[in-house]
Amino acid sequence: MHFKIVRDFTWLWIIAIEEICATISFKRAFSNNIKLDSFLL
């Protein structure tokens, strides 16, 4: 029972880290696009 809780908690951590990484990379790409657009304008 304890092992299942630890396993589920580990899965939650993995999912959370992936979500954070995706959000950071998306924001970085989005800000880069804005910089490119303003540079082209």
C-alpha atoms as a PDB file:
ATOM      1  CA  MET A   1       0.000   0.000   0.000  1.00  0.00           C
ATOM      2  CA  HIS A   2       2.777   2.421   0.942  1.00  0.00           C
ATOM      3  CA  PHE A   3       4.645   1.582  -2.266  1.00  0.00           C
ATOM      4  CA  LYS A   4       1.579   2.416  -4.366  1.00  0.00           C
ATOM      5  CA  ILE A   5       1.291   5.834  -2.708  1.00  0.00           C
ATOM      6  CA  VAL A   6       4.967   6.551  -3.361  1.00  0.00           C
ATOM      7  CA  ARG A   7       4.613   5.407  -6.977  1.00  0.00           C
ATOM      8  CA  ASP A   8       1.561   7.613  -7.569  1.00  0.00           C
ATOM      9  CA  PHE A   9       3.344  10.551  -5.936  1.00  0.00           C
ATOM     10  CA  THR A  10       6.365   9.992  -8.198  1.00  0.00           C
ATOM     11  CA  TRP A  11       4.069   9.986 -11.239  1.00  0.00           C
ATOM     12  CA  LEU A  12       2.531  13.271 -10.079  1.00  0.00           C
ATOM     13  CA  TRP A  13       6.016  14.787  -9.766  1.00  0.00           C
ATOM     14  CA  ILE A  14       7.003  13.590 -13.265  1.00  0.00           C
ATOM     15  CA  ILE A  15       3.821  15.025 -14.781  1.00  0.00           C
ATOM     16  CA  ALA A  16       4.245  18.321 -12.912  1.00  0.00           C
ATOM     17  CA  ILE A  17       7.869  18.699 -14.041  1.00  0.00           C
ATOM     18  CA  GLU A  18       6.905  17.969 -17.654  1.00  0.00           C
ATOM     19  CA  GLU A  19       4.111  20.560 -17.453  1.00  0.00           C
ATOM     20  CA  ILE A  20       6.491  23.176 -16.023  1.00  0.00           C
ATOM     21  CA  CYS A  21       9.122  22.482 -18.701  1.00  0.00           C
ATOM     22  CA  ALA A  22       6.503  22.708 -21.451  1.00  0.00           C
ATOM     23  CA  THR A  23       5.178  25.987 -20.043  1.00  0.00           C
ATOM     24  CA  ILE A  24       8.665  27.500 -19.797  1.00  0.00           C
ATOM     25  CA  SER A  25       9.620  26.461 -23.332  1.00  0.00           C
ATOM     26  CA  PHE A  26       6.276  27.755 -24.660  1.00  0.00           C
ATOM     27  CA  LYS A  27       6.708  31.133 -22.953  1.00  0.00           C
ATOM     28  CA  ARG A  28      10.290  31.350 -24.196  1.00  0.00           C
ATOM     29  CA  ALA A  29       9.248  30.590 -27.783  1.00  0.00           C
ATOM     30  CA  PHE A  30       6.309  33.006 -27.480  1.00  0.00           C
ATOM     31  CA  SER A  31       8.506  35.867 -26.244  1.00  0.00           C
ATOM     32  CA  ASN A  32      11.031  35.086 -28.987  1.00  0.00           C
ATOM     33  CA  ASN A  33       8.233  35.334 -31.565  1.00  0.00           C
ATOM     34  CA  ILE A  34       7.191  38.715 -30.173  1.00  0.00           C
ATOM     35  CA  LYS A  35      10.790  39.954 -30.366  1.00  0.00           C
ATOM     36  CA  LEU A  36      11.053  38.725 -33.962  1.00  0.00           C
ATOM     37  CA  ASP A  37       7.758  40.384 -34.906  1.00  0.00           C
ATOM     38  CA  SER A  38       8.737  43.723 -33.377  1.00  0.00           C
ATOM     39  CA  PHE A  39      12.135  43.462 -35.066  1.00  0.00           C
ATOM     40  CA  LEU A  40      10.526  42.796 -38.455  1.00  0.00           C
ATOM     41  CA  LEU A  41       8.080  45.666 -37.974  1.00  0.00           C
END
